[in-house]
């Protein structure tokens, strides 16, 4: 996931540099008043998003598979813990019931 994030950030920085070059060369508008920096960041984000969507498709799929595996492992561990808890609870109930039956049997023979 970190690799994907760094690659996406790299694409954004590359687009920001291109936008900066275009704005300062006069090929792209400078924005309104003091909004030049914000304008360049927004334009770079707008350009980098579809590029990242296409270029990083395989990396995004790999990251998604890793996340799915991690979630599946967590779900399996949670289910195993629940089952272990259920077994311990059933054993405790059975033991309690057998003790109660033993006490009833002793009380009847006395």
Protein backbone atom coordinates (compact mmCIF):
# COMPACT_ATOMS: atom_id res chain seq x y z
CA UNK A 1 0.00 0.00 0.00
CA UNK A 2 2.88 2.34 0.76
CA UNK A 3 4.34 1.64 -2.68
CA UNK A 4 1.06 2.60 -4.36
CA UNK A 5 0.80 5.76 -2.28
CA UNK A 6 4.34 6.79 -3.11
CA UNK A 7 3.80 6.11 -6.82
CA UNK A 8 0.59 8.14 -6.76
CA UNK A 9 2.37 10.99 -4.96
CA UNK A 10 5.16 10.83 -7.56
CA UNK A 11 2.66 11.21 -10.38
CA UNK A 12 1.07 14.16 -8.58
CA UNK A 13 4.46 15.87 -8.07
CA UNK A 14 5.31 15.31 -11.74
CA UNK A 15 2.01 16.87 -12.79
CA UNK A 16 2.55 19.75 -10.38
CA UNK A 17 5.94 20.47 -11.95
CA UNK A 18 4.43 20.38 -15.45
CA UNK A 19 1.58 22.69 -14.40
CA UNK A 20 4.05 25.03 -12.69
CA UNK A 21 6.09 25.18 -15.88
CA UNK A 22 3.00 25.85 -17.99
CA UNK A 23 1.73 28.58 -15.68
CA UNK A 24 5.04 30.40 -15.45
CA UNK A 25 5.66 30.13 -19.18
CA UNK A 26 2.25 31.70 -19.80
CA UNK A 27 0.70 28.68 -21.55
CA UNK A 28 -1.80 28.11 -18.70
CA UNK A 29 -3.73 30.81 -16.82
CA UNK A 30 -2.25 32.10 -13.57
CA UNK A 31 -5.50 32.02 -11.57
CA UNK A 32 -7.28 34.93 -9.95
CA UNK A 33 -5.37 37.30 -7.67
CA UNK A 34 -3.34 35.43 -5.07
CA UNK A 35 -4.81 32.02 -5.92
CA UNK A 36 -1.89 30.99 -8.12
CA UNK A 37 -0.54 28.29 -5.76
CA UNK A 38 -3.95 26.82 -5.05
CA UNK A 39 -4.80 26.92 -8.75
CA UNK A 40 -1.66 24.97 -9.65
CA UNK A 41 -2.30 22.34 -6.94
CA UNK A 42 -5.92 21.84 -7.99
CA UNK A 43 -4.98 21.63 -11.66
CA UNK A 44 -2.21 19.11 -10.87
CA UNK A 45 -4.67 17.00 -8.85
CA UNK A 46 -7.18 17.11 -11.68
CA UNK A 47 -4.58 15.97 -14.20
CA UNK A 48 -2.87 13.35 -11.99
CA UNK A 49 -6.07 11.53 -10.97
CA UNK A 50 -6.93 9.98 -14.36
CA UNK A 51 -3.25 9.31 -15.06
CA UNK A 52 -2.95 7.42 -11.77
CA UNK A 53 -6.16 5.55 -12.50
CA UNK A 54 -4.76 4.18 -15.76
CA UNK A 55 -1.04 3.87 -15.03
CA UNK A 56 -1.31 2.37 -11.52
CA UNK A 57 -4.09 -0.13 -12.24
CA UNK A 58 -1.92 -3.22 -11.64
CA UNK A 59 -0.36 -1.80 -8.48
CA UNK A 60 -3.80 -0.84 -7.15
CA UNK A 61 -5.07 -4.39 -7.84
CA UNK A 62 -2.07 -5.87 -5.99
CA UNK A 63 -2.65 -3.58 -3.02
CA UNK A 64 -6.34 -4.48 -3.03
CA UNK A 65 -5.52 -8.21 -3.01
CA UNK A 66 -3.19 -7.71 -0.05
CA UNK A 67 -5.91 -5.85 1.84
CA UNK A 68 -8.48 -8.56 1.08
CA UNK A 69 -6.08 -11.28 2.32
CA UNK A 70 -5.41 -9.30 5.50
CA UNK A 71 -9.14 -8.84 6.14
CA UNK A 72 -9.81 -12.53 5.48
CA UNK A 73 -7.10 -13.54 7.96
CA UNK A 74 -8.57 -11.20 10.56
CA UNK A 75 -12.05 -12.64 10.00
CA UNK A 76 -10.73 -16.22 10.27
CA UNK A 77 -8.90 -15.39 13.50
CA UNK A 78 -12.01 -13.76 14.92
CA UNK A 79 -14.11 -16.80 13.99
CA UNK A 80 -11.53 -19.16 15.54
CA UNK A 81 -11.58 -17.10 18.73
CA UNK A 82 -15.38 -17.22 18.80
CA UNK A 83 -15.38 -20.99 18.29
CA UNK A 84 -12.80 -21.44 21.04
CA UNK A 85 -14.90 -19.30 23.34
CA UNK A 86 -18.01 -21.34 22.48
CA UNK A 87 -16.22 -24.63 23.20
CA UNK A 88 -14.98 -23.32 26.56
CA UNK A 89 -18.49 -22.10 27.42
CA UNK A 90 -20.07 -25.44 26.45
CA UNK A 91 -17.49 -27.32 28.53
CA UNK A 92 -18.16 -25.12 31.55
CA UNK A 93 -21.94 -25.62 31.21
CA UNK A 94 -21.54 -29.38 30.89
CA UNK A 95 -19.31 -29.47 33.96
CA UNK A 96 -21.79 -27.37 35.93
CA UNK A 97 -24.69 -29.61 34.90
CA UNK A 98 -22.82 -32.79 35.81
CA UNK A 99 -21.90 -31.34 39.21
CA UNK A 100 -25.52 -30.38 39.82
CA UNK A 101 -26.68 -33.89 38.90
CA UNK A 102 -24.07 -35.41 41.20
CA UNK A 103 -25.22 -33.20 44.07
CA UNK A 104 -28.87 -34.15 43.41
CA UNK A 105 -27.95 -37.82 43.42
CA UNK A 106 -26.09 -37.46 46.70
CA UNK A 107 -28.99 -35.55 48.24
CA UNK A 108 -31.45 -38.26 47.24
CA UNK A 109 -29.33 -41.05 48.74
CA UNK A 110 -28.91 -39.23 52.06
